[in-house]
C-alpha cells in the first residue's frame, strides 16, 4: 500500500529475503476506496514510481518490473 497525496494505491509484487521488493508496475491501475472509481493516469504512475524510488534507502530496495 502506497499513499500518494491523499489517495492510496495497492501495488502487487514479491518480497524477497534480500530484503527487496519487486513491484509489478502494471498492477498500478486504480486507487483504493473511496477513489476506486478513478483510474490512475500514466503520468501519475510515473510520479508514484519516481517518488517511491526517491524515498527508498539502501537497507531496503524496491525494483519495478
PDB file of N, CA and C in Angstrom:
ATOM      1  N   UNK A   1       0.854  -1.166   0.000  1.00  0.00           N
ATOM      2  CA  UNK A   1       0.000   0.000   0.000  1.00  0.00           C
ATOM      3  C   UNK A   1       0.904   1.233   0.000  1.00  0.00           C
ATOM      4  N   UNK A   2       0.614   2.141  -0.919  1.00  0.00           N
ATOM      5  CA  UNK A   2       1.387   3.370  -1.037  1.00  0.00           C
ATOM      6  C   UNK A   2       0.419   4.538  -1.018  1.00  0.00           C
ATOM      7  N   UNK A   3       0.737   5.532  -0.211  1.00  0.00           N
ATOM      8  CA  UNK A   3      -0.086   6.733  -0.172  1.00  0.00           C
ATOM      9  C   UNK A   3       0.549   7.782  -1.073  1.00  0.00           C
ATOM     10  N   UNK A   4      -0.261   8.351  -1.942  1.00  0.00           N
ATOM     11  CA  UNK A   4       0.186   9.397  -2.851  1.00  0.00           C
ATOM     12  C   UNK A   4      -0.802  10.540  -2.738  1.00  0.00           C
ATOM     13  N   UNK A   5      -0.326  11.689  -2.295  1.00  0.00           N
ATOM     14  CA  UNK A   5      -1.181  12.826  -1.972  1.00  0.00           C
ATOM     15  C   UNK A   5      -2.197  12.362  -0.937  1.00  0.00           C
ATOM     16  N   UNK A   6      -3.450  12.366  -1.229  1.00  0.00           N
ATOM     17  CA  UNK A   6      -4.476  11.983  -0.252  1.00  0.00           C
ATOM     18  C   UNK A   6      -5.128  10.647  -0.606  1.00  0.00           C
ATOM     19  N   UNK A   7      -4.584   9.937  -1.592  1.00  0.00           N
ATOM     20  CA  UNK A   7      -5.151   8.663  -2.029  1.00  0.00           C
ATOM     21  C   UNK A   7      -4.157   7.527  -1.803  1.00  0.00           C
ATOM     22  N   UNK A   8      -4.678   6.310  -1.841  1.00  0.00           N
ATOM     23  CA  UNK A   8      -3.852   5.126  -1.602  1.00  0.00           C
ATOM     24  C   UNK A   8      -3.984   4.163  -2.774  1.00  0.00           C
ATOM     25  N   UNK A   9      -2.877   3.529  -3.128  1.00  0.00           N
ATOM     26  CA  UNK A   9      -2.873   2.528  -4.187  1.00  0.00           C
ATOM     27  C   UNK A   9      -2.163   1.281  -3.656  1.00  0.00           C
ATOM     28  N   UNK A  10      -2.670   0.123  -4.047  1.00  0.00           N
ATOM     29  CA  UNK A  10      -2.050  -1.148  -3.679  1.00  0.00           C
ATOM     30  C   UNK A  10      -1.210  -1.611  -4.862  1.00  0.00           C
ATOM     31  N   UNK A  11       0.060  -1.891  -4.592  1.00  0.00           N
ATOM     32  CA  UNK A  11       0.970  -2.335  -5.647  1.00  0.00           C
ATOM     33  C   UNK A  11       1.339  -3.787  -5.379  1.00  0.00           C
ATOM     34  N   UNK A  12       1.048  -4.639  -6.335  1.00  0.00           N
ATOM     35  CA  UNK A  12       1.368  -6.065  -6.207  1.00  0.00           C
ATOM     36  C   UNK A  12       2.857  -6.273  -6.450  1.00  0.00           C
ATOM     37  N   UNK A  13       3.380  -7.318  -5.864  1.00  0.00           N
ATOM     38  CA  UNK A  13       4.783  -7.626  -6.076  1.00  0.00           C
ATOM     39  C   UNK A  13       5.227  -8.777  -5.216  1.00  0.00           C
ATOM     40  N   UNK A  14       6.539  -8.946  -5.139  1.00  0.00           N
ATOM     41  CA  UNK A  14       7.101 -10.054  -4.379  1.00  0.00           C
ATOM     42  C   UNK A  14       8.214  -9.540  -3.476  1.00  0.00           C
ATOM     43  N   UNK A  15       8.121  -9.894  -2.204  1.00  0.00           N
ATOM     44  CA  UNK A  15       9.132  -9.537  -1.220  1.00  0.00           C
ATOM     45  C   UNK A  15      10.140 -10.681  -1.136  1.00  0.00           C
ATOM     46  N   UNK A  16      11.423 -10.341  -1.236  1.00  0.00           N
ATOM     47  CA  UNK A  16      12.464 -11.361  -1.152  1.00  0.00           C
ATOM     48  C   UNK A  16      13.229 -11.219   0.160  1.00  0.00           C
ATOM     49  N   UNK A  17      14.082 -12.172   0.429  1.00  0.00           N
ATOM     50  CA  UNK A  17      14.849 -12.141   1.670  1.00  0.00           C
ATOM     51  C   UNK A  17      16.060 -11.230   1.575  1.00  0.00           C
ATOM     52  N   UNK A  18      16.291 -10.585   0.475  1.00  0.00           N
ATOM     53  CA  UNK A  18      17.493  -9.772   0.251  1.00  0.00           C
ATOM     54  C   UNK A  18      17.733  -8.630   1.235  1.00  0.00           C
ATOM     55  N   UNK A  19      16.923  -7.823   1.794  1.00  0.00           N
ATOM     56  CA  UNK A  19      15.499  -7.596   1.520  1.00  0.00           C
ATOM     57  C   UNK A  19      15.291  -6.670   0.322  1.00  0.00           C
ATOM     58  N   UNK A  20      14.357  -7.065  -0.497  1.00  0.00           N
ATOM     59  CA  UNK A  20      13.991  -6.285  -1.672  1.00  0.00           C
ATOM     60  C   UNK A  20      12.549  -6.594  -2.027  1.00  0.00           C
ATOM     61  N   UNK A  21      11.904  -5.631  -2.687  1.00  0.00           N
ATOM     62  CA  UNK A  21      10.530  -5.808  -3.143  1.00  0.00           C
ATOM     63  C   UNK A  21      10.519  -5.584  -4.645  1.00  0.00           C
ATOM     64  N   UNK A  22      10.053  -6.585  -5.370  1.00  0.00           N
ATOM     65  CA  UNK A  22       9.914  -6.485  -6.819  1.00  0.00           C
ATOM     66  C   UNK A  22       8.463  -6.141  -7.115  1.00  0.00           C
ATOM     67  N   UNK A  23       8.236  -4.892  -7.452  1.00  0.00           N
ATOM     68  CA  UNK A  23       6.887  -4.370  -7.645  1.00  0.00           C
ATOM     69  C   UNK A  23       6.445  -4.547  -9.093  1.00  0.00           C
ATOM     70  N   UNK A  24       5.192  -4.906  -9.268  1.00  0.00           N
ATOM     71  CA  UNK A  24       4.591  -5.076 -10.590  1.00  0.00           C
ATOM     72  C   UNK A  24       3.968  -3.754 -11.011  1.00  0.00           C
ATOM     73  N   UNK A  25       4.666  -3.033 -11.864  1.00  0.00           N
ATOM     74  CA  UNK A  25       4.217  -1.704 -12.305  1.00  0.00           C
ATOM     75  C   UNK A  25       2.824  -1.772 -12.940  1.00  0.00           C
ATOM     76  N   UNK A  26       2.525  -2.875 -13.621  1.00  0.00           N
ATOM     77  CA  UNK A  26       1.233  -2.998 -14.303  1.00  0.00           C
ATOM     78  C   UNK A  26       0.073  -3.168 -13.322  1.00  0.00           C
ATOM     79  N   UNK A  27       0.374  -3.409 -12.044  1.00  0.00           N
ATOM     80  CA  UNK A  27      -0.701  -3.540 -11.047  1.00  0.00           C
ATOM     81  C   UNK A  27      -1.203  -2.188 -10.554  1.00  0.00           C
ATOM     82  N   UNK A  28      -0.530  -1.119 -10.945  1.00  0.00           N
ATOM     83  CA  UNK A  28      -0.942   0.226 -10.544  1.00  0.00           C
ATOM     84  C   UNK A  28      -2.009   0.696 -11.525  1.00  0.00           C
ATOM     85  N   UNK A  29      -3.268   0.508 -11.161  1.00  0.00           N
ATOM     86  CA  UNK A  29      -4.364   0.833 -12.076  1.00  0.00           C
ATOM     87  C   UNK A  29      -5.403   1.751 -11.466  1.00  0.00           C
ATOM     88  N   UNK A  30      -5.859   1.406 -10.257  1.00  0.00           N
ATOM     89  CA  UNK A  30      -6.933   2.177  -9.615  1.00  0.00           C
ATOM     90  C   UNK A  30      -6.578   2.460  -8.168  1.00  0.00           C
ATOM     91  N   UNK A  31      -7.111   3.559  -7.676  1.00  0.00           N
ATOM     92  CA  UNK A  31      -6.937   3.922  -6.280  1.00  0.00           C
ATOM     93  C   UNK A  31      -7.785   3.013  -5.402  1.00  0.00           C
ATOM     94  N   UNK A  32      -7.442   2.946  -4.146  1.00  0.00           N
ATOM     95  CA  UNK A  32      -8.241   2.223  -3.170  1.00  0.00           C
ATOM     96  C   UNK A  32      -9.461   3.075  -2.810  1.00  0.00           C
ATOM     97  N   UNK A  33     -10.527   2.440  -2.282  1.00  0.00           N
ATOM     98  CA  UNK A  33     -11.727   3.189  -1.887  1.00  0.00           C
ATOM     99  C   UNK A  33     -11.372   4.313  -0.909  1.00  0.00           C
ATOM    100  N   UNK A  34     -12.026   5.426  -1.014  1.00  0.00           N
ATOM    101  CA  UNK A  34     -13.248   5.719  -1.760  1.00  0.00           C
ATOM    102  C   UNK A  34     -13.006   6.238  -3.177  1.00  0.00           C
ATOM    103  N   UNK A  35     -11.763   6.172  -3.674  1.00  0.00           N
ATOM    104  CA  UNK A  35     -11.440   6.675  -5.015  1.00  0.00           C
ATOM    105  C   UNK A  35     -11.300   5.548  -6.035  1.00  0.00           C
ATOM    106  N   UNK A  36     -11.861   4.385  -5.740  1.00  0.00           N
ATOM    107  CA  UNK A  36     -11.681   3.210  -6.587  1.00  0.00           C
ATOM    108  C   UNK A  36     -12.346   3.316  -7.955  1.00  0.00           C
ATOM    109  N   UNK A  37     -13.173   4.321  -8.158  1.00  0.00           N
ATOM    110  CA  UNK A  37     -13.780   4.518  -9.477  1.00  0.00           C
ATOM    111  C   UNK A  37     -12.919   5.427 -10.357  1.00  0.00           C
ATOM    112  N   UNK A  38     -11.764   5.857  -9.846  1.00  0.00           N
ATOM    113  CA  UNK A  38     -10.869   6.747 -10.579  1.00  0.00           C
ATOM    114  C   UNK A  38      -9.631   5.968 -11.015  1.00  0.00           C
ATOM    115  N   UNK A  39      -9.402   5.905 -12.317  1.00  0.00           N
ATOM    116  CA  UNK A  39      -8.207   5.233 -12.827  1.00  0.00           C
ATOM    117  C   UNK A  39      -6.997   6.136 -12.632  1.00  0.00           C
ATOM    118  N   UNK A  40      -5.857   5.505 -12.446  1.00  0.00           N
ATOM    119  CA  UNK A  40      -4.607   6.236 -12.286  1.00  0.00           C
ATOM    120  C   UNK A  40      -4.023   6.480 -13.668  1.00  0.00           C
ATOM    121  N   UNK A  41      -3.671   7.720 -13.955  1.00  0.00           N
ATOM    122  CA  UNK A  41      -3.142   8.068 -15.278  1.00  0.00           C
ATOM    123  C   UNK A  41      -1.691   7.610 -15.411  1.00  0.00           C
ATOM    124  N   UNK A  42      -1.223   7.557 -16.637  1.00  0.00           N
ATOM    125  CA  UNK A  42       0.163   7.187 -16.918  1.00  0.00           C
ATOM    126  C   UNK A  42       1.125   8.154 -16.241  1.00  0.00           C
ATOM    127  N   UNK A  43       0.775   9.426 -16.244  1.00  0.00           N
ATOM    128  CA  UNK A  43       1.614  10.434 -15.612  1.00  0.00           C
ATOM    129  C   UNK A  43       1.677  10.223 -14.100  1.00  0.00           C
ATOM    130  N   UNK A  44       0.538   9.887 -13.493  1.00  0.00           N
ATOM    131  CA  UNK A  44       0.505   9.629 -12.053  1.00  0.00           C
ATOM    132  C   UNK A  44       1.318   8.392 -11.704  1.00  0.00           C
ATOM    133  N   UNK A  45       1.255   7.361 -12.543  1.00  0.00           N
ATOM    134  CA  UNK A  45       2.046   6.144 -12.305  1.00  0.00           C
ATOM    135  C   UNK A  45       3.527   6.496 -12.283  1.00  0.00           C
ATOM    136  N   UNK A  46       3.963   7.286 -13.252  1.00  0.00           N
ATOM    137  CA  UNK A  46       5.370   7.687 -13.306  1.00  0.00           C
ATOM    138  C   UNK A  46       5.759   8.479 -12.057  1.00  0.00           C
ATOM    139  N   UNK A  47       4.890   9.371 -11.606  1.00  0.00           N
ATOM    140  CA  UNK A  47       5.169  10.156 -10.407  1.00  0.00           C
ATOM    141  C   UNK A  47       5.222   9.278  -9.160  1.00  0.00           C
ATOM    142  N   UNK A  48       4.311   8.325  -9.058  1.00  0.00           N
ATOM    143  CA  UNK A  48       4.281   7.404  -7.918  1.00  0.00           C
ATOM    144  C   UNK A  48       5.570   6.586  -7.878  1.00  0.00           C
ATOM    145  N   UNK A  49       5.947   6.009  -9.004  1.00  0.00           N
ATOM    146  CA  UNK A  49       7.163   5.187  -9.076  1.00  0.00           C
ATOM    147  C   UNK A  49       8.386   6.031  -8.718  1.00  0.00           C
ATOM    148  N   UNK A  50       8.480   7.225  -9.294  1.00  0.00           N
ATOM    149  CA  UNK A  50       9.629   8.091  -9.007  1.00  0.00           C
ATOM    150  C   UNK A  50       9.697   8.465  -7.540  1.00  0.00           C
ATOM    151  N   UNK A  51       8.573   8.792  -6.942  1.00  0.00           N
ATOM    152  CA  UNK A  51       8.553   9.165  -5.525  1.00  0.00           C
ATOM    153  C   UNK A  51       8.973   7.988  -4.651  1.00  0.00           C
ATOM    154  N   UNK A  52       8.495   6.792  -4.986  1.00  0.00           N
ATOM    155  CA  UNK A  52       8.885   5.603  -4.218  1.00  0.00           C
ATOM    156  C   UNK A  52      10.387   5.366  -4.321  1.00  0.00           C
ATOM    157  N   UNK A  53      10.921   5.437  -5.532  1.00  0.00           N
ATOM    158  CA  UNK A  53      12.347   5.192  -5.732  1.00  0.00           C
ATOM    159  C   UNK A  53      13.204   6.246  -5.044  1.00  0.00           C
ATOM    160  N   UNK A  54      12.749   7.485  -5.007  1.00  0.00           N
ATOM    161  CA  UNK A  54      13.482   8.557  -4.326  1.00  0.00           C
ATOM    162  C   UNK A  54      13.535   8.330  -2.819  1.00  0.00           C
ATOM    163  N   UNK A  55      12.485   7.740  -2.263  1.00  0.00           N
ATOM    164  CA  UNK A  55      12.401   7.568  -0.815  1.00  0.00           C
ATOM    165  C   UNK A  55      12.950   6.227  -0.335  1.00  0.00           C
ATOM    166  N   UNK A  56      13.389   5.386  -1.259  1.00  0.00           N
ATOM    167  CA  UNK A  56      13.942   4.085  -0.895  1.00  0.00           C
ATOM    168  C   UNK A  56      15.361   4.272  -0.372  1.00  0.00           C
ATOM    169  N   UNK A  57      15.668   3.631   0.745  1.00  0.00           N
ATOM    170  CA  UNK A  57      17.026   3.721   1.284  1.00  0.00           C
ATOM    171  C   UNK A  57      17.832   2.490   0.884  1.00  0.00           C
ATOM    172  N   UNK A  58      19.116   2.496   1.245  1.00  0.00           N
ATOM    173  CA  UNK A  58      19.995   1.391   0.861  1.00  0.00           C
ATOM    174  C   UNK A  58      19.689   0.098   1.591  1.00  0.00           C
ATOM    175  N   UNK A  59      19.005   0.181   2.723  1.00  0.00           N
ATOM    176  CA  UNK A  59      18.710  -1.015   3.509  1.00  0.00           C
ATOM    177  C   UNK A  59      17.588  -1.849   2.885  1.00  0.00           C
ATOM    178  N   UNK A  60      16.718  -1.221   2.128  1.00  0.00           N
ATOM    179  CA  UNK A  60      15.589  -1.923   1.514  1.00  0.00           C
ATOM    180  C   UNK A  60      15.413  -1.407   0.085  1.00  0.00           C
ATOM    181  N   UNK A  61      15.554  -2.272  -0.877  1.00  0.00           N
ATOM    182  CA  UNK A  61      15.466  -1.890  -2.289  1.00  0.00           C
ATOM    183  C   UNK A  61      14.094  -2.247  -2.849  1.00  0.00           C
ATOM    184  N   UNK A  62      13.625  -1.392  -3.755  1.00  0.00           N
ATOM    185  CA  UNK A  62      12.390  -1.646  -4.485  1.00  0.00           C
ATOM    186  C   UNK A  62      12.717  -1.578  -5.978  1.00  0.00           C
ATOM    187  N   UNK A  63      12.300  -2.593  -6.703  1.00  0.00           N
ATOM    188  CA  UNK A  63      12.514  -2.656  -8.144  1.00  0.00           C
ATOM    189  C   UNK A  63      11.152  -2.749  -8.833  1.00  0.00           C
ATOM    190  N   UNK A  64      10.978  -1.991  -9.900  1.00  0.00           N
ATOM    191  CA  UNK A  64       9.723  -2.027 -10.661  1.00  0.00           C
ATOM    192  C   UNK A  64       9.956  -2.787 -11.951  1.00  0.00           C
ATOM    193  N   UNK A  65       9.033  -3.711 -12.219  1.00  0.00           N
ATOM    194  CA  UNK A  65       9.104  -4.533 -13.434  1.00  0.00           C
ATOM    195  C   UNK A  65       7.923  -4.228 -14.309  1.00  0.00           C
TER     196      UNK A  65
END
